Amino acid sequence: MVSINRYLSSQKWDLLLKALPYQLPTTIIGHSVMNQPIYAHRLGNGSAKVLLWSQMHGNESTTTRALLDLFAHLRSPDGTRLLEGLSLMIIPQLNPDGSSAYTRLNANKLDLNRDALDLSQPESIALRKVFDSFSPDFCFNLHGQRSIFAAGKRGNPATLSFLSPSANEQRSYTPARVKAMQLIALIHKNLRLQIPDQIGRYDDTFNPNCVGDCFTSLGVPTLLYEAGHNALDYDRDFTKKMILNALITALNAIEDGDYFNHSTEEYDQIPKNEKDYVDIIIKNVNVKTESGFFKNQELAVLYQEEKMGESVFFRPVYHSFSEKIALLGHRVLNAEDILKDSEVEFMEGKTIDIS
């Protein structure tokens, strides 16, 4: 299986921006390890300031694609009104090197979301300089999550997940964190009709080197957005629409203050993300391993995402097997429907030949 949409290099993003029938106000806020420019777009003249950044992890492109749709929305009458009350600073690709290589890490093989205190990377420094100079009232940290997450234990796939990051080891409900919780509660209420039981809540263990935790500890409400999986939409086109809806909902709520009507209890009731899914479960498989032969097993398969030219290839690999596997599958198939041979030689992480 191959996806063209999921691969969004800095070069492809530049072409998409140049194809727009309008020009965005653009500044260069820094350069990547490989000296690629890191662009930001400032929109609006309102008093409430929101800083958004995407593709901090280069292989998480869905939220960046949603930003392109957000730019279009902001030119509509509703969007124009919104920009009268807000000032937005949008960084679509914080990690252009990773975006082009389709990797989570930057060109120095470091995770930018573990560099908030060390500031060892030029991309991290660029973000922090914008944070300090722009002085946002809210931050949106835009990411993508794997297809393994459920919204609650053995729940539906987590199409979207959110987090109000902790500000300290005690996970205290600081004023900044409470505001982010209230805003997420409002987003959840508005979107749950479109994606019922498909919104999850990320783990809030404190890590001071994570950007969201760091900015929250500095007193700025920060929302983690995670673009997840829905049905068999591996292009994440439906998820992109839900991210756009979540962004517009949140921006409207910041502009009109409606989030104050929501509580931390509502946030706490959002089901936690659980690692309960694999991409495929194959039933009635005979499995051969170094330790023996196992008949009529259930075999779990995960897709590994790999850059292939200008696309993303989903390579199926062995995950685990059991007589009755404790995981859920986005697809559940019989061996005869997908395997060339009902007997397989299992090795975790090895490519599996499926039709």
Protein backbone atom coordinates (compact mmCIF):
# COMPACT_ATOMS: atom_id res chain seq x y z
CA MET A 1 0.00 0.00 0.00
CA VAL A 2 1.26 3.45 -0.97
CA SER A 3 0.17 6.98 -0.02
CA ILE A 4 1.11 10.05 -2.04
CA ASN A 5 -0.61 12.50 0.31
CA ARG A 6 1.26 11.49 3.47
CA TYR A 7 4.64 12.55 2.08
CA LEU A 8 4.98 16.33 2.37
CA SER A 9 8.55 17.49 1.86
CA SER A 10 9.63 21.10 2.21
CA GLN A 11 9.89 21.23 -1.59
CA LYS A 12 6.31 20.00 -2.04
CA TRP A 13 5.09 22.44 0.59
CA ASP A 14 6.79 25.34 -1.20
CA LEU A 15 5.04 24.36 -4.44
CA LEU A 16 1.67 24.20 -2.67
CA LEU A 17 2.16 27.71 -1.27
CA LYS A 18 3.26 29.09 -4.64
CA ALA A 19 0.12 27.62 -6.24
CA LEU A 20 -2.16 29.58 -3.89
CA PRO A 21 -4.16 32.37 -5.59
CA TYR A 22 -2.99 34.72 -2.84
CA GLN A 23 0.23 35.51 -1.03
CA LEU A 24 0.79 34.78 2.63
CA PRO A 25 2.89 37.19 4.72
CA THR A 26 6.06 35.16 5.22
CA THR A 27 9.18 35.53 7.31
CA ILE A 28 12.20 33.27 7.80
CA ILE A 29 12.59 32.55 11.52
CA GLY A 30 15.70 30.40 11.23
CA HIS A 31 17.39 27.63 9.28
CA SER A 32 17.52 23.88 9.72
CA VAL A 33 20.61 21.73 10.21
CA MET A 34 20.84 21.39 6.42
CA ASN A 35 20.35 25.15 6.03
CA GLN A 36 16.78 24.98 4.79
CA PRO A 37 14.75 28.08 5.70
CA ILE A 38 12.09 27.70 8.39
CA TYR A 39 9.11 29.84 7.44
CA ALA A 40 6.43 31.48 9.57
CA HIS A 41 3.26 33.29 8.58
CA ARG A 42 1.75 36.02 10.74
CA LEU A 43 -1.96 36.64 10.18
CA GLY A 44 -4.45 38.91 11.93
CA ASN A 45 -4.18 41.98 14.11
CA GLY A 46 -6.20 40.97 17.15
CA SER A 47 -5.16 41.15 20.77
CA ALA A 48 -5.26 37.40 21.51
CA LYS A 49 -2.11 35.75 20.13
CA VAL A 50 -1.85 32.08 19.12
CA LEU A 51 1.37 30.32 18.07
CA LEU A 52 0.95 27.17 15.96
CA TRP A 53 3.68 24.86 14.68
CA SER A 54 3.51 21.64 12.69
CA GLN A 55 5.86 18.93 11.41
CA MET A 56 8.17 19.21 14.38
CA HIS A 57 8.35 15.52 13.50
CA GLY A 58 8.92 15.37 9.76
CA ASN A 59 6.83 12.25 9.14
CA GLU A 60 3.71 13.79 10.71
CA SER A 61 2.24 15.75 7.81
CA THR A 62 -1.55 15.60 8.30
CA THR A 63 -1.71 18.71 10.48
CA THR A 64 0.40 20.64 7.96
CA ARG A 65 -2.05 19.75 5.22
CA ALA A 66 -4.85 20.96 7.50
CA LEU A 67 -3.05 24.30 7.86
CA LEU A 68 -3.33 24.79 4.10
CA ASP A 69 -7.11 24.49 4.46
CA LEU A 70 -6.99 26.81 7.47
CA PHE A 71 -5.31 29.48 5.34
CA ALA A 72 -8.24 29.23 2.90
CA HIS A 73 -10.78 29.45 5.73
CA LEU A 74 -9.12 32.57 7.10
CA ARG A 75 -9.89 34.34 3.81
CA SER A 76 -13.62 33.63 4.15
CA PRO A 77 -15.99 36.12 5.87
CA ASP A 78 -15.92 34.01 9.05
CA GLY A 79 -12.14 33.78 8.91
CA THR A 80 -11.73 37.50 8.30
CA ARG A 81 -13.88 38.24 11.34
CA LEU A 82 -11.77 35.80 13.37
CA LEU A 83 -8.56 37.61 12.43
CA GLU A 84 -9.97 40.87 13.77
CA GLY A 85 -9.74 39.38 17.26
CA LEU A 86 -6.68 37.14 16.88
CA SER A 87 -3.06 37.36 15.83
CA LEU A 88 -1.72 34.05 14.55
CA MET A 89 1.90 33.00 14.10
CA ILE A 90 1.95 29.78 12.06
CA ILE A 91 5.07 27.65 11.45
CA PRO A 92 3.96 24.91 9.02
CA GLN A 93 7.22 22.92 8.92
CA LEU A 94 9.48 23.38 11.92
CA ASN A 95 11.60 20.41 10.77
CA PRO A 96 12.02 20.80 6.99
CA ASP A 97 14.92 18.33 6.86
CA GLY A 98 12.88 15.62 8.56
CA SER A 99 9.90 16.48 6.36
CA SER A 100 11.93 15.87 3.21
CA ALA A 101 13.49 12.67 4.59
CA TYR A 102 10.14 11.51 6.09
CA THR A 103 11.67 10.95 9.49
CA ARG A 104 10.58 11.86 13.00
CA LEU A 105 14.03 13.25 13.78
CA ASN A 106 15.95 16.20 12.38
CA ALA A 107 19.10 15.87 10.27
CA ASN A 108 21.19 15.39 13.42
CA LYS A 109 19.00 12.38 14.35
CA LEU A 110 17.52 14.22 17.33
CA ASP A 111 13.90 14.55 18.42
CA LEU A 112 13.03 18.25 18.52
CA ASN A 113 10.26 17.49 21.00
CA ARG A 114 12.93 16.43 23.51
CA ASP A 115 15.03 19.55 23.10
CA ALA A 116 12.96 22.27 24.78
CA LEU A 117 15.44 22.92 27.59
CA ASP A 118 18.70 21.95 25.92
CA LEU A 119 17.97 23.98 22.77
CA SER A 120 20.79 22.10 21.07
CA GLN A 121 19.27 22.23 17.58
CA PRO A 122 18.77 25.23 15.27
CA GLU A 123 15.10 24.34 14.76
CA SER A 124 14.49 24.34 18.53
CA ILE A 125 16.24 27.68 18.87
CA ALA A 126 14.10 29.16 16.08
CA LEU A 127 10.87 28.06 17.79
CA ARG A 128 11.97 29.37 21.18
CA LYS A 129 12.94 32.75 19.71
CA VAL A 130 9.48 33.08 18.15
CA PHE A 131 7.86 32.03 21.42
CA ASP A 132 9.82 34.66 23.34
CA SER A 133 9.31 37.50 20.84
CA PHE A 134 5.66 36.78 19.91
CA SER A 135 4.57 36.17 23.54
CA PRO A 136 1.57 33.98 22.67
CA ASP A 137 -1.53 33.63 24.81
CA PHE A 138 -1.99 30.06 23.51
CA CYS A 139 0.19 27.52 21.71
CA PHE A 140 -0.96 24.70 19.42
CA ASN A 141 1.60 21.88 19.06
CA LEU A 142 0.47 19.93 15.98
CA HIS A 143 1.46 16.27 15.57
CA GLY A 144 0.40 12.95 14.07
CA GLN A 145 0.00 9.64 15.90
CA ARG A 146 0.27 6.04 14.77
CA SER A 147 -2.67 3.80 13.93
CA ILE A 148 -2.17 1.77 17.14
CA PHE A 149 -4.19 4.01 19.46
CA ALA A 150 -7.71 3.47 20.77
CA ALA A 151 -9.86 6.12 22.44
CA GLY A 152 -10.20 4.27 25.74
CA LYS A 153 -9.51 0.63 26.54
CA ARG A 154 -10.51 -1.45 23.49
CA GLY A 155 -12.37 1.59 22.16
CA ASN A 156 -12.74 2.97 18.67
CA PRO A 157 -9.64 4.15 16.81
CA ALA A 158 -8.40 7.49 18.15
CA THR A 159 -8.96 9.69 15.11
CA LEU A 160 -7.93 12.71 17.15
CA SER A 161 -6.15 12.94 20.49
CA PHE A 162 -5.37 15.92 22.67
CA LEU A 163 -3.31 16.79 25.70
CA SER A 164 -3.03 19.69 28.09
CA PRO A 165 0.61 19.06 29.07
CA SER A 166 1.76 19.04 32.66
CA ALA A 167 3.73 21.97 34.05
CA ASN A 168 5.50 20.02 36.80
CA GLU A 169 6.16 16.53 38.16
CA GLN A 170 3.02 16.73 40.30
CA ARG A 171 0.87 17.31 37.19
CA SER A 172 -0.73 20.24 38.99
CA TYR A 173 -3.71 22.01 37.47
CA THR A 174 -1.93 25.32 36.98
CA PRO A 175 -3.86 28.30 35.54
CA ALA A 176 -2.26 27.79 32.11
CA ARG A 177 -3.01 24.09 32.12
CA VAL A 178 -6.62 24.66 33.19
CA LYS A 179 -7.19 27.00 30.23
CA ALA A 180 -5.86 24.37 27.82
CA MET A 181 -8.09 21.73 29.46
CA GLN A 182 -11.15 23.95 29.10
CA LEU A 183 -10.38 24.58 25.45
CA ILE A 184 -9.88 20.87 24.74
CA ALA A 185 -13.16 20.10 26.54
CA LEU A 186 -14.93 22.51 24.20
CA ILE A 187 -13.27 20.96 21.12
CA HIS A 188 -14.29 17.51 22.32
CA LYS A 189 -17.91 18.56 22.83
CA ASN A 190 -18.13 20.11 19.36
CA LEU A 191 -16.42 17.29 17.45
CA ARG A 192 -17.80 14.22 19.19
CA LEU A 193 -20.95 14.33 17.03
CA GLN A 194 -18.76 13.95 13.92
CA ILE A 195 -16.40 11.36 15.41
CA PRO A 196 -18.29 9.76 18.32
CA ASP A 197 -16.04 7.91 20.76
CA GLN A 198 -13.01 8.56 18.55
CA ILE A 199 -11.26 11.30 20.53
CA GLY A 200 -8.56 10.32 23.02
CA ARG A 201 -6.48 11.99 25.70
CA TYR A 202 -2.70 11.62 25.75
CA ASP A 203 -0.68 10.63 28.80
CA ASP A 204 0.33 13.67 30.89
CA THR A 205 3.57 12.40 32.45
CA PHE A 206 5.79 15.46 32.85
CA ASN A 207 8.90 15.81 30.70
CA PRO A 208 10.53 19.26 30.92
CA ASN A 209 12.33 18.71 27.61
CA CYS A 210 9.02 18.29 25.75
CA VAL A 211 8.02 21.60 24.22
CA GLY A 212 4.41 21.50 25.42
CA ASP A 213 5.43 20.81 29.01
CA CYS A 214 8.08 23.52 28.85
CA PHE A 215 5.76 26.20 27.47
CA THR A 216 3.01 25.25 29.93
CA SER A 217 5.50 25.56 32.80
CA LEU A 218 6.28 29.06 31.50
CA GLY A 219 2.62 29.97 31.96
CA VAL A 220 1.30 29.64 28.39
CA PRO A 221 -1.66 27.29 27.76
CA THR A 222 -0.45 24.74 25.21
CA LEU A 223 -2.59 22.21 23.36
CA LEU A 224 -1.14 19.06 21.83
CA TYR A 225 -3.10 18.02 18.73
CA GLU A 226 -2.57 14.46 17.46
CA ALA A 227 -3.90 13.50 14.02
CA GLY A 228 -4.78 9.82 14.23
CA HIS A 229 -6.44 7.02 12.32
CA ASN A 230 -9.97 6.49 11.03
CA ALA A 231 -11.24 3.24 9.48
CA LEU A 232 -9.00 2.44 6.48
CA ASP A 233 -8.08 6.06 5.74
CA TYR A 234 -4.30 5.66 5.61
CA ASP A 235 -4.08 8.86 3.56
CA ARG A 236 -5.54 10.61 6.64
CA ASP A 237 -7.83 12.75 4.46
CA PHE A 238 -10.79 12.43 6.83
CA THR A 239 -8.51 13.08 9.80
CA LYS A 240 -7.23 16.22 8.09
CA LYS A 241 -10.80 17.54 7.95
CA MET A 242 -11.30 16.81 11.64
CA ILE A 243 -8.04 18.59 12.52
CA LEU A 244 -9.22 21.60 10.53
CA ASN A 245 -12.54 21.57 12.41
CA ALA A 246 -10.69 21.31 15.72
CA LEU A 247 -8.43 24.24 14.82
CA ILE A 248 -11.31 26.48 13.75
CA THR A 249 -13.32 25.50 16.83
CA ALA A 250 -10.44 26.35 19.15
CA LEU A 251 -9.60 29.65 17.46
CA ASN A 252 -13.23 30.77 17.60
CA ALA A 253 -13.40 29.85 21.28
CA ILE A 254 -10.24 31.84 22.06
CA GLU A 255 -11.63 34.83 20.18
CA ASP A 256 -15.01 34.82 21.95
CA GLY A 257 -13.92 33.32 25.30
CA ASP A 258 -16.48 30.52 25.11
CA TYR A 259 -14.04 27.96 26.52
CA PHE A 260 -14.46 29.47 30.00
CA ASN A 261 -17.84 27.71 30.14
CA HIS A 262 -16.12 24.31 30.22
CA SER A 263 -14.51 22.47 33.12
CA THR A 264 -11.45 20.39 33.89
CA GLU A 265 -13.84 17.56 34.81
CA GLU A 266 -15.03 17.47 31.19
CA TYR A 267 -11.42 17.19 30.07
CA ASP A 268 -10.71 14.39 32.53
CA GLN A 269 -13.67 12.42 31.17
CA ILE A 270 -12.11 12.19 27.70
CA PRO A 271 -10.93 8.56 27.41
CA LYS A 272 -7.20 7.93 27.62
CA ASN A 273 -5.24 6.77 24.60
CA GLU A 274 -4.57 3.03 24.73
CA LYS A 275 -2.20 1.04 22.49
CA ASP A 276 -4.84 -1.52 21.51
CA TYR A 277 -4.71 -1.65 17.69
CA VAL A 278 -2.69 -3.25 14.95
CA ASP A 279 -3.33 -2.72 11.27
CA ILE A 280 -4.34 -6.28 10.40
CA ILE A 281 -5.30 -9.39 12.35
CA ILE A 282 -5.15 -12.59 10.32
CA LYS A 283 -7.05 -15.60 11.66
CA ASN A 284 -6.45 -19.33 11.21
CA VAL A 285 -2.72 -19.05 10.58
CA ASN A 286 -0.27 -21.88 11.20
CA VAL A 287 2.84 -20.30 12.71
CA LYS A 288 6.33 -21.75 12.70
CA THR A 289 8.97 -20.35 15.08
CA GLU A 290 12.34 -21.46 16.43
CA SER A 291 10.55 -22.85 19.48
CA GLY A 292 7.83 -24.83 17.74
CA PHE A 293 4.78 -25.04 15.49
CA PHE A 294 1.44 -23.46 16.43
CA LYS A 295 -1.80 -24.24 14.60
CA ASN A 296 -4.82 -21.97 14.05
CA GLN A 297 -3.30 -18.82 15.49
CA GLU A 298 -4.29 -15.18 15.23
CA LEU A 299 -1.47 -13.15 13.69
CA ALA A 300 -1.06 -9.40 14.28
CA VAL A 301 0.47 -7.28 11.52
CA LEU A 302 1.65 -3.66 11.68
CA TYR A 303 2.50 -1.32 8.84
CA GLN A 304 5.92 0.32 8.91
CA GLU A 305 5.98 3.62 7.04
CA GLU A 306 8.89 4.15 4.66
CA LYS A 307 9.70 6.86 2.14
CA MET A 308 9.53 5.54 -1.42
CA GLY A 309 10.34 8.24 -3.93
CA GLU A 310 7.71 10.95 -3.47
CA SER A 311 5.35 8.63 -1.60
CA VAL A 312 5.02 6.67 1.63
CA PHE A 313 5.08 2.87 1.43
CA PHE A 314 3.30 0.89 4.14
CA ARG A 315 5.34 -2.26 4.66
CA PRO A 316 3.48 -5.03 6.53
CA VAL A 317 5.57 -6.66 9.27
CA TYR A 318 4.98 -9.34 11.89
CA HIS A 319 3.97 -7.98 15.30
CA SER A 320 2.81 -10.93 17.43
CA PHE A 321 0.62 -14.01 17.43
CA SER A 322 -1.57 -15.92 19.85
CA GLU A 323 -4.40 -18.41 19.90
CA LYS A 324 -6.65 -15.48 20.86
CA ILE A 325 -4.84 -12.19 20.40
CA ALA A 326 -5.62 -9.39 22.88
CA LEU A 327 -5.46 -6.64 20.24
CA LEU A 328 -7.94 -5.07 17.84
CA GLY A 329 -7.36 -4.84 14.10
CA HIS A 330 -8.36 -2.18 11.61
CA ARG A 331 -8.87 -5.15 9.31
CA VAL A 332 -9.63 -8.72 10.40
CA LEU A 333 -9.11 -11.35 7.70
CA ASN A 334 -8.83 -15.09 7.27
CA ALA A 335 -5.49 -16.54 6.22
CA GLU A 336 -6.92 -17.88 2.98
CA ASP A 337 -8.04 -14.36 1.97
CA ILE A 338 -4.68 -12.63 2.33
CA LEU A 339 -1.80 -15.11 2.67
CA LYS A 340 -0.28 -17.05 -0.19
CA ASP A 341 0.40 -19.87 2.27
CA SER A 342 -1.53 -20.55 5.49
CA GLU A 343 1.78 -21.47 7.18
CA VAL A 344 4.18 -18.64 8.04
CA GLU A 345 7.61 -18.46 9.62
CA PHE A 346 7.26 -15.83 12.34
CA MET A 347 9.93 -13.30 13.22
CA GLU A 348 8.96 -10.03 14.89
CA GLY A 349 9.58 -7.06 12.58
CA LYS A 350 10.06 -9.24 9.51
CA THR A 351 8.16 -8.35 6.34
CA ILE A 352 5.13 -10.54 5.70
CA ASP A 353 4.09 -11.38 2.14
CA ILE A 354 0.38 -10.60 1.85
CA SER A 355 -1.84 -10.16 -1.18
